[in-house]
Amino acid sequence: MKEIEDYKKGISIFSHLAKDLDLVDLSKKPGPGEWSLIEVFLHILDSDLSFADRMKRVISEDRPTLIKLDEKLYQQRLNYHPKTLATAIKLFESNREMTLFHLEILKPDDFSRVGIHSIKGEQTLLEILKFSIWHLNHHGKFLYGKRKNLGKEIEEKYI
């Protein structure tokens, strides 16, 4: 299934985005109200963990409630510190690898299983999977741009 392969590609893209960044690079905010590189990385991680939880619950439960993640509260209240990037990379990779294990054994019909999102309503497993792929690409664009502004431009890779 194409989406499973795309989800898997995200593992290497996340670590690629973090290549050769130091604590100063990760901490810099481009302007008032804008997120630093580490805040974007940890937002991607937190969101990916949430998407994985939603997918596992849709796989294992009948029509589970899927709670919205408040990205602004996470950014404000959690300690999004540059020293955590190495751990974030490991966690992102491990989470995706474990989620892939669950996705790869499913039958095609399983991807039409539904959860009920607290804001968006019904979402199929396939829709959640596609959104998690889109989310990494979407925020990856910001990271490439922020890197360029710091003089740390790298080849852009997307799914």
N, C-alpha and C. Protein backbone atom coordinates (compact mmCIF):
# COMPACT_ATOMS: atom_id res chain seq x y z
N MET A 1 0.84 -1.18 0.00
CA MET A 1 0.00 0.00 0.00
C MET A 1 0.89 1.25 0.00
N LYS A 2 0.60 2.16 -0.91
CA LYS A 2 1.42 3.37 -1.08
C LYS A 2 1.53 4.18 0.20
N GLU A 3 0.43 4.36 0.91
CA GLU A 3 0.45 5.19 2.12
C GLU A 3 1.36 4.60 3.20
N ILE A 4 1.40 3.30 3.30
CA ILE A 4 2.29 2.67 4.29
C ILE A 4 3.75 2.93 3.90
N GLU A 5 4.06 2.81 2.63
CA GLU A 5 5.43 3.11 2.17
C GLU A 5 5.78 4.57 2.40
N ASP A 6 4.84 5.47 2.14
CA ASP A 6 5.07 6.89 2.37
C ASP A 6 5.29 7.19 3.85
N TYR A 7 4.49 6.56 4.70
CA TYR A 7 4.63 6.73 6.15
C TYR A 7 6.03 6.30 6.58
N LYS A 8 6.49 5.19 6.03
CA LYS A 8 7.82 4.67 6.36
C LYS A 8 8.92 5.64 5.92
N LYS A 9 8.76 6.26 4.75
CA LYS A 9 9.76 7.22 4.26
C LYS A 9 9.95 8.39 5.22
N GLY A 10 8.90 8.72 5.95
CA GLY A 10 8.96 9.83 6.89
C GLY A 10 10.01 9.66 7.97
N ILE A 11 10.37 8.43 8.28
CA ILE A 11 11.38 8.17 9.31
C ILE A 11 12.69 8.84 8.93
N SER A 12 13.14 8.62 7.73
CA SER A 12 14.43 9.19 7.32
C SER A 12 14.32 10.69 7.04
N ILE A 13 13.15 11.16 6.64
CA ILE A 13 12.98 12.59 6.38
C ILE A 13 13.10 13.39 7.68
N PHE A 14 12.52 12.89 8.77
CA PHE A 14 12.58 13.60 10.05
C PHE A 14 14.04 13.75 10.50
N SER A 15 14.81 12.68 10.43
CA SER A 15 16.22 12.78 10.85
C SER A 15 17.02 13.64 9.87
N HIS A 16 16.67 13.61 8.60
CA HIS A 16 17.34 14.45 7.60
C HIS A 16 17.14 15.94 7.93
N LEU A 17 15.93 16.29 8.32
CA LEU A 17 15.62 17.67 8.66
C LEU A 17 16.46 18.20 9.82
N ALA A 18 16.91 17.30 10.69
CA ALA A 18 17.65 17.69 11.90
C ALA A 18 19.16 17.71 11.69
N LYS A 19 19.61 17.34 10.52
CA LYS A 19 21.04 17.19 10.23
C LYS A 19 21.84 18.47 10.49
N ASP A 20 22.93 18.31 11.24
CA ASP A 20 23.93 19.38 11.46
C ASP A 20 23.38 20.65 12.10
N LEU A 21 22.41 20.53 12.98
CA LEU A 21 21.91 21.69 13.71
C LEU A 21 22.49 21.68 15.11
N ASP A 22 22.87 22.85 15.60
CA ASP A 22 23.38 22.93 16.97
C ASP A 22 22.34 23.58 17.88
N LEU A 23 22.66 23.66 19.17
CA LEU A 23 21.70 24.19 20.14
C LEU A 23 21.29 25.63 19.84
N VAL A 24 22.23 26.43 19.34
CA VAL A 24 21.92 27.82 19.00
C VAL A 24 20.94 27.86 17.82
N ASP A 25 21.22 27.07 16.78
CA ASP A 25 20.32 27.01 15.62
C ASP A 25 18.90 26.62 16.05
N LEU A 26 18.83 25.61 16.89
CA LEU A 26 17.53 25.08 17.30
C LEU A 26 16.73 26.06 18.14
N SER A 27 17.42 26.95 18.84
CA SER A 27 16.77 27.89 19.76
C SER A 27 16.28 29.17 19.10
N LYS A 28 16.87 29.55 17.99
CA LYS A 28 16.56 30.86 17.40
C LYS A 28 15.12 30.95 16.93
N LYS A 29 14.49 32.07 17.30
CA LYS A 29 13.13 32.36 16.83
C LYS A 29 13.25 33.43 15.74
N PRO A 30 12.68 33.17 14.58
CA PRO A 30 12.81 34.12 13.47
C PRO A 30 12.16 35.48 13.73
N GLY A 31 11.20 35.52 14.61
CA GLY A 31 10.52 36.78 14.92
C GLY A 31 9.53 36.58 16.04
N PRO A 32 8.93 37.66 16.52
CA PRO A 32 7.95 37.55 17.61
C PRO A 32 6.80 36.62 17.23
N GLY A 33 6.48 35.72 18.14
CA GLY A 33 5.36 34.80 17.92
C GLY A 33 5.66 33.64 17.00
N GLU A 34 6.83 33.60 16.41
CA GLU A 34 7.19 32.49 15.52
C GLU A 34 7.91 31.41 16.31
N TRP A 35 7.78 30.19 15.84
CA TRP A 35 8.37 29.05 16.53
C TRP A 35 9.82 28.85 16.11
N SER A 36 10.63 28.42 17.05
CA SER A 36 12.01 28.03 16.77
C SER A 36 12.01 26.67 16.07
N LEU A 37 13.19 26.28 15.59
CA LEU A 37 13.32 24.96 14.96
C LEU A 37 12.93 23.85 15.94
N ILE A 38 13.41 23.93 17.19
CA ILE A 38 13.11 22.85 18.14
C ILE A 38 11.61 22.78 18.41
N GLU A 39 10.95 23.93 18.45
CA GLU A 39 9.51 23.91 18.68
C GLU A 39 8.77 23.23 17.52
N VAL A 40 9.24 23.44 16.31
CA VAL A 40 8.61 22.78 15.16
C VAL A 40 8.91 21.28 15.19
N PHE A 41 10.17 20.91 15.47
CA PHE A 41 10.50 19.48 15.57
C PHE A 41 9.64 18.78 16.62
N LEU A 42 9.52 19.38 17.79
CA LEU A 42 8.77 18.73 18.86
C LEU A 42 7.27 18.76 18.61
N HIS A 43 6.80 19.76 17.88
CA HIS A 43 5.40 19.75 17.45
C HIS A 43 5.15 18.57 16.51
N ILE A 44 6.06 18.36 15.57
CA ILE A 44 5.92 17.23 14.65
C ILE A 44 5.91 15.92 15.44
N LEU A 45 6.83 15.79 16.38
CA LEU A 45 6.89 14.57 17.20
C LEU A 45 5.60 14.38 17.98
N ASP A 46 5.17 15.40 18.72
CA ASP A 46 3.95 15.25 19.53
C ASP A 46 2.75 14.90 18.67
N SER A 47 2.64 15.54 17.53
CA SER A 47 1.54 15.25 16.62
C SER A 47 1.62 13.82 16.10
N ASP A 48 2.83 13.39 15.75
CA ASP A 48 3.00 12.03 15.24
C ASP A 48 2.64 10.98 16.29
N LEU A 49 3.00 11.26 17.53
CA LEU A 49 2.62 10.34 18.62
C LEU A 49 1.10 10.29 18.75
N SER A 50 0.46 11.44 18.62
CA SER A 50 -1.01 11.50 18.70
C SER A 50 -1.64 10.74 17.53
N PHE A 51 -1.12 10.95 16.32
CA PHE A 51 -1.65 10.23 15.15
C PHE A 51 -1.50 8.72 15.32
N ALA A 52 -0.36 8.29 15.85
CA ALA A 52 -0.13 6.86 16.06
C ALA A 52 -1.13 6.31 17.07
N ASP A 53 -1.36 7.05 18.15
CA ASP A 53 -2.34 6.61 19.14
C ASP A 53 -3.72 6.50 18.50
N ARG A 54 -4.10 7.49 17.71
CA ARG A 54 -5.40 7.45 17.05
C ARG A 54 -5.52 6.23 16.14
N MET A 55 -4.46 5.99 15.36
CA MET A 55 -4.51 4.84 14.44
C MET A 55 -4.64 3.54 15.21
N LYS A 56 -3.87 3.37 16.28
CA LYS A 56 -3.94 2.13 17.07
C LYS A 56 -5.31 1.96 17.71
N ARG A 57 -5.89 3.06 18.15
CA ARG A 57 -7.21 2.96 18.76
C ARG A 57 -8.28 2.65 17.73
N VAL A 58 -8.17 3.20 16.53
CA VAL A 58 -9.13 2.88 15.47
C VAL A 58 -8.98 1.41 15.06
N ILE A 59 -7.76 0.92 15.04
CA ILE A 59 -7.53 -0.49 14.70
C ILE A 59 -8.15 -1.41 15.76
N SER A 60 -7.97 -1.06 17.02
CA SER A 60 -8.32 -1.99 18.09
C SER A 60 -9.69 -1.77 18.74
N GLU A 61 -10.27 -0.58 18.61
CA GLU A 61 -11.55 -0.28 19.26
C GLU A 61 -12.62 0.01 18.20
N ASP A 62 -13.87 -0.12 18.60
CA ASP A 62 -14.98 0.22 17.70
C ASP A 62 -15.37 1.67 17.90
N ARG A 63 -15.15 2.48 16.85
CA ARG A 63 -15.54 3.89 16.81
C ARG A 63 -15.05 4.67 18.05
N PRO A 64 -13.76 4.61 18.35
CA PRO A 64 -13.25 5.33 19.52
C PRO A 64 -13.32 6.84 19.34
N THR A 65 -13.38 7.56 20.46
CA THR A 65 -13.30 9.01 20.43
C THR A 65 -11.83 9.40 20.30
N LEU A 66 -11.55 10.31 19.39
CA LEU A 66 -10.19 10.77 19.12
C LEU A 66 -10.11 12.23 19.53
N ILE A 67 -9.30 12.52 20.53
CA ILE A 67 -9.25 13.86 21.11
C ILE A 67 -8.27 14.75 20.33
N LYS A 68 -8.67 16.01 20.13
CA LYS A 68 -7.83 17.00 19.45
C LYS A 68 -6.62 17.32 20.32
N LEU A 69 -5.49 17.49 19.69
CA LEU A 69 -4.27 17.92 20.35
C LEU A 69 -4.19 19.44 20.22
N ASP A 70 -3.97 20.15 21.32
CA ASP A 70 -3.85 21.61 21.28
C ASP A 70 -2.38 21.98 21.17
N GLU A 71 -1.92 22.20 19.93
CA GLU A 71 -0.50 22.43 19.67
C GLU A 71 0.04 23.66 20.39
N LYS A 72 -0.77 24.68 20.54
CA LYS A 72 -0.30 25.90 21.20
C LYS A 72 -0.07 25.66 22.69
N LEU A 73 -0.95 24.90 23.32
CA LEU A 73 -0.75 24.59 24.74
C LEU A 73 0.46 23.70 24.94
N TYR A 74 0.66 22.74 24.05
CA TYR A 74 1.85 21.89 24.15
C TYR A 74 3.10 22.75 24.07
N GLN A 75 3.14 23.65 23.09
CA GLN A 75 4.31 24.51 22.89
C GLN A 75 4.52 25.43 24.10
N GLN A 76 3.45 25.92 24.69
CA GLN A 76 3.56 26.85 25.82
C GLN A 76 3.91 26.14 27.13
N ARG A 77 3.36 24.95 27.35
CA ARG A 77 3.45 24.33 28.67
C ARG A 77 4.47 23.21 28.79
N LEU A 78 4.90 22.67 27.67
CA LEU A 78 5.92 21.63 27.72
C LEU A 78 7.28 22.27 27.49
N ASN A 79 8.29 21.66 28.00
CA ASN A 79 9.63 22.23 27.89
C ASN A 79 10.25 21.82 26.56
N TYR A 80 9.94 22.56 25.52
CA TYR A 80 10.50 22.28 24.20
C TYR A 80 11.92 22.82 24.15
N HIS A 81 12.84 22.02 24.62
CA HIS A 81 14.24 22.44 24.78
C HIS A 81 15.12 21.80 23.71
N PRO A 82 16.08 22.57 23.16
CA PRO A 82 16.96 22.05 22.10
C PRO A 82 17.72 20.78 22.47
N LYS A 83 18.02 20.60 23.74
CA LYS A 83 18.77 19.40 24.15
C LYS A 83 17.98 18.12 23.94
N THR A 84 16.70 18.24 23.69
CA THR A 84 15.86 17.05 23.53
C THR A 84 15.79 16.53 22.09
N LEU A 85 16.45 17.19 21.15
CA LEU A 85 16.31 16.79 19.75
C LEU A 85 16.74 15.35 19.49
N ALA A 86 17.87 14.93 20.04
CA ALA A 86 18.33 13.55 19.80
C ALA A 86 17.31 12.54 20.30
N THR A 87 16.74 12.79 21.45
CA THR A 87 15.71 11.90 21.99
C THR A 87 14.46 11.95 21.12
N ALA A 88 14.10 13.15 20.66
CA ALA A 88 12.92 13.29 19.80
C ALA A 88 13.09 12.49 18.51
N ILE A 89 14.28 12.51 17.95
CA ILE A 89 14.54 11.74 16.72
C ILE A 89 14.36 10.25 16.99
N LYS A 90 14.95 9.77 18.08
CA LYS A 90 14.82 8.34 18.42
C LYS A 90 13.36 7.96 18.65
N LEU A 91 12.64 8.81 19.37
CA LEU A 91 11.23 8.52 19.66
C LEU A 91 10.39 8.55 18.39
N PHE A 92 10.61 9.53 17.53
CA PHE A 92 9.89 9.61 16.27
C PHE A 92 10.12 8.34 15.45
N GLU A 93 11.39 7.96 15.32
CA GLU A 93 11.72 6.76 14.54
C GLU A 93 11.11 5.50 15.15
N SER A 94 11.24 5.34 16.45
CA SER A 94 10.69 4.15 17.12
C SER A 94 9.18 4.10 17.03
N ASN A 95 8.53 5.25 17.22
CA ASN A 95 7.08 5.30 17.14
C ASN A 95 6.61 4.92 15.74
N ARG A 96 7.25 5.48 14.73
CA ARG A 96 6.85 5.14 13.35
C ARG A 96 7.11 3.67 13.04
N GLU A 97 8.24 3.16 13.48
CA GLU A 97 8.54 1.74 13.23
C GLU A 97 7.51 0.83 13.90
N MET A 98 7.13 1.15 15.13
CA MET A 98 6.14 0.33 15.83
C MET A 98 4.77 0.45 15.17
N THR A 99 4.40 1.65 14.78
CA THR A 99 3.11 1.86 14.11
C THR A 99 3.09 1.14 12.77
N LEU A 100 4.20 1.17 12.06
CA LEU A 100 4.30 0.43 10.80
C LEU A 100 4.05 -1.05 11.00
N PHE A 101 4.59 -1.59 12.08
CA PHE A 101 4.38 -3.00 12.39
C PHE A 101 2.88 -3.30 12.45
N HIS A 102 2.12 -2.43 13.10
CA HIS A 102 0.67 -2.63 13.21
C HIS A 102 -0.02 -2.45 11.86
N LEU A 103 0.38 -1.45 11.10
CA LEU A 103 -0.27 -1.15 9.82
C LEU A 103 -0.01 -2.23 8.78
N GLU A 104 1.19 -2.76 8.77
CA GLU A 104 1.58 -3.71 7.72
C GLU A 104 0.85 -5.04 7.79
N ILE A 105 0.28 -5.38 8.93
CA ILE A 105 -0.42 -6.67 9.04
C ILE A 105 -1.92 -6.57 8.78
N LEU A 106 -2.39 -5.35 8.53
CA LEU A 106 -3.83 -5.15 8.34
C LEU A 106 -4.30 -5.60 6.97
N LYS A 107 -5.58 -5.91 6.90
CA LYS A 107 -6.24 -6.22 5.64
C LYS A 107 -6.74 -4.90 5.04
N PRO A 108 -6.91 -4.84 3.72
CA PRO A 108 -7.37 -3.59 3.09
C PRO A 108 -8.64 -3.01 3.71
N ASP A 109 -9.58 -3.86 4.10
CA ASP A 109 -10.83 -3.38 4.70
C ASP A 109 -10.61 -2.69 6.03
N ASP A 110 -9.55 -3.04 6.73
CA ASP A 110 -9.28 -2.44 8.04
C ASP A 110 -9.04 -0.93 7.95
N PHE A 111 -8.60 -0.47 6.79
CA PHE A 111 -8.30 0.95 6.63
C PHE A 111 -9.57 1.81 6.52
N SER A 112 -10.73 1.16 6.45
CA SER A 112 -11.99 1.90 6.46
C SER A 112 -12.61 1.96 7.86
N ARG A 113 -11.93 1.37 8.85
CA ARG A 113 -12.40 1.48 10.23
C ARG A 113 -12.43 2.95 10.63
N VAL A 114 -13.34 3.31 11.54
CA VAL A 114 -13.61 4.71 11.85
C VAL A 114 -13.41 5.02 13.33
N GLY A 115 -12.87 6.22 13.56
CA GLY A 115 -12.86 6.82 14.89
C GLY A 115 -13.61 8.13 14.80
N ILE A 116 -14.04 8.66 15.96
CA ILE A 116 -14.80 9.90 15.97
C ILE A 116 -13.94 11.00 16.60
N HIS A 117 -13.46 11.88 15.75
CA HIS A 117 -12.60 12.99 16.21
C HIS A 117 -13.47 14.03 16.91
N SER A 118 -12.95 14.57 18.01
CA SER A 118 -13.72 15.50 18.82
C SER A 118 -14.09 16.80 18.09
N ILE A 119 -13.39 17.13 17.02
CA ILE A 119 -13.70 18.33 16.24
C ILE A 119 -14.16 17.97 14.82
N LYS A 120 -13.43 17.06 14.18
CA LYS A 120 -13.65 16.76 12.76
C LYS A 120 -14.72 15.71 12.49
N GLY A 121 -15.16 15.00 13.52
CA GLY A 121 -16.16 13.95 13.32
C GLY A 121 -15.50 12.65 12.86
N GLU A 122 -16.21 11.89 12.04
CA GLU A 122 -15.71 10.58 11.62
C GLU A 122 -14.43 10.70 10.81
N GLN A 123 -13.47 9.85 11.14
CA GLN A 123 -12.23 9.75 10.38
C GLN A 123 -11.88 8.27 10.23
N THR A 124 -11.55 7.90 9.00
CA THR A 124 -11.13 6.51 8.78
C THR A 124 -9.65 6.38 9.13
N LEU A 125 -9.24 5.15 9.33
CA LEU A 125 -7.83 4.87 9.57
C LEU A 125 -6.98 5.40 8.42
N LEU A 126 -7.45 5.19 7.19
CA LEU A 126 -6.70 5.67 6.03
C LEU A 126 -6.58 7.20 6.04
N GLU A 127 -7.62 7.90 6.42
CA GLU A 127 -7.56 9.37 6.49
C GLU A 127 -6.55 9.84 7.53
N ILE A 128 -6.51 9.17 8.67
CA ILE A 128 -5.54 9.54 9.72
C ILE A 128 -4.12 9.28 9.23
N LEU A 129 -3.92 8.15 8.58
CA LEU A 129 -2.61 7.81 8.04
C LEU A 129 -2.18 8.86 7.00
N LYS A 130 -3.05 9.20 6.09
CA LYS A 130 -2.72 10.21 5.07
C LYS A 130 -2.43 11.57 5.70
N PHE A 131 -3.18 11.93 6.73
CA PHE A 131 -2.95 13.22 7.37
C PHE A 131 -1.60 13.26 8.07
N SER A 132 -1.20 12.15 8.67
CA SER A 132 0.11 12.11 9.34
C SER A 132 1.25 12.27 8.33
N ILE A 133 1.07 11.74 7.14
CA ILE A 133 2.06 11.90 6.06
C ILE A 133 2.09 13.35 5.61
N TRP A 134 0.92 13.93 5.40
CA TRP A 134 0.83 15.33 4.98
C TRP A 134 1.45 16.25 6.04
N HIS A 135 1.18 15.98 7.31
CA HIS A 135 1.63 16.84 8.40
C HIS A 135 3.15 16.96 8.42
N LEU A 136 3.86 15.86 8.23
CA LEU A 136 5.33 15.90 8.22
C LEU A 136 5.82 16.74 7.04
N ASN A 137 5.25 16.55 5.87
CA ASN A 137 5.64 17.35 4.69
C ASN A 137 5.34 18.83 4.91
N HIS A 138 4.17 19.12 5.44
CA HIS A 138 3.74 20.50 5.67
C HIS A 138 4.73 21.23 6.59
N HIS A 139 5.04 20.64 7.71
CA HIS A 139 5.97 21.29 8.65
C HIS A 139 7.42 21.17 8.20
N GLY A 140 7.71 20.16 7.40
CA GLY A 140 9.05 20.05 6.82
C GLY A 140 9.37 21.28 5.97
N LYS A 141 8.38 21.78 5.24
CA LYS A 141 8.59 22.99 4.43
C LYS A 141 9.03 24.15 5.30
N PHE A 142 8.41 24.29 6.47
CA PHE A 142 8.82 25.36 7.39
C PHE A 142 10.25 25.16 7.87
N LEU A 143 10.59 23.91 8.19
CA LEU A 143 11.93 23.63 8.69
C LEU A 143 12.99 23.91 7.63
N TYR A 144 12.71 23.53 6.39
CA TYR A 144 13.68 23.84 5.32
C TYR A 144 13.86 25.35 5.18
N GLY A 145 12.77 26.09 5.26
CA GLY A 145 12.85 27.54 5.16
C GLY A 145 13.60 28.16 6.32
N LYS A 146 13.33 27.68 7.53
CA LYS A 146 14.03 28.20 8.71
C LYS A 146 15.52 27.87 8.64
N ARG A 147 15.85 26.68 8.16
CA ARG A 147 17.25 26.29 8.00
C ARG A 147 17.94 27.22 7.00
N LYS A 148 17.27 27.50 5.91
CA LYS A 148 17.84 28.38 4.89
C LYS A 148 18.14 29.75 5.47
N ASN A 149 17.20 30.27 6.26
CA ASN A 149 17.38 31.57 6.89
C ASN A 149 18.57 31.60 7.85
N LEU A 150 18.93 30.44 8.40
CA LEU A 150 20.07 30.34 9.31
C LEU A 150 21.38 30.04 8.56
N GLY A 151 21.30 29.90 7.24
CA GLY A 151 22.49 29.52 6.48
C GLY A 151 22.82 28.04 6.60
N LYS A 152 21.82 27.21 6.92
CA LYS A 152 22.01 25.77 7.10
C LYS A 152 21.13 24.99 6.11
N GLU A 153 21.11 25.49 4.88
CA GLU A 153 20.28 24.90 3.84
C GLU A 153 20.74 23.47 3.53
N ILE A 154 19.77 22.59 3.34
CA ILE A 154 20.03 21.20 2.93
C ILE A 154 19.07 20.85 1.81
N GLU A 155 19.37 19.74 1.14
CA GLU A 155 18.49 19.25 0.08
C GLU A 155 17.11 18.98 0.64
N GLU A 156 16.09 19.46 -0.05
CA GLU A 156 14.71 19.23 0.40
C GLU A 156 14.25 17.85 -0.06
N LYS A 157 13.74 17.09 0.90
CA LYS A 157 13.18 15.76 0.63
C LYS A 157 11.76 15.74 1.18
N TYR A 158 10.86 15.20 0.39
CA TYR A 158 9.48 15.09 0.79
C TYR A 158 8.99 13.69 0.43
N ILE A 159 7.84 13.36 0.95
CA ILE A 159 7.24 12.08 0.65
C ILE A 159 6.43 12.23 -0.63
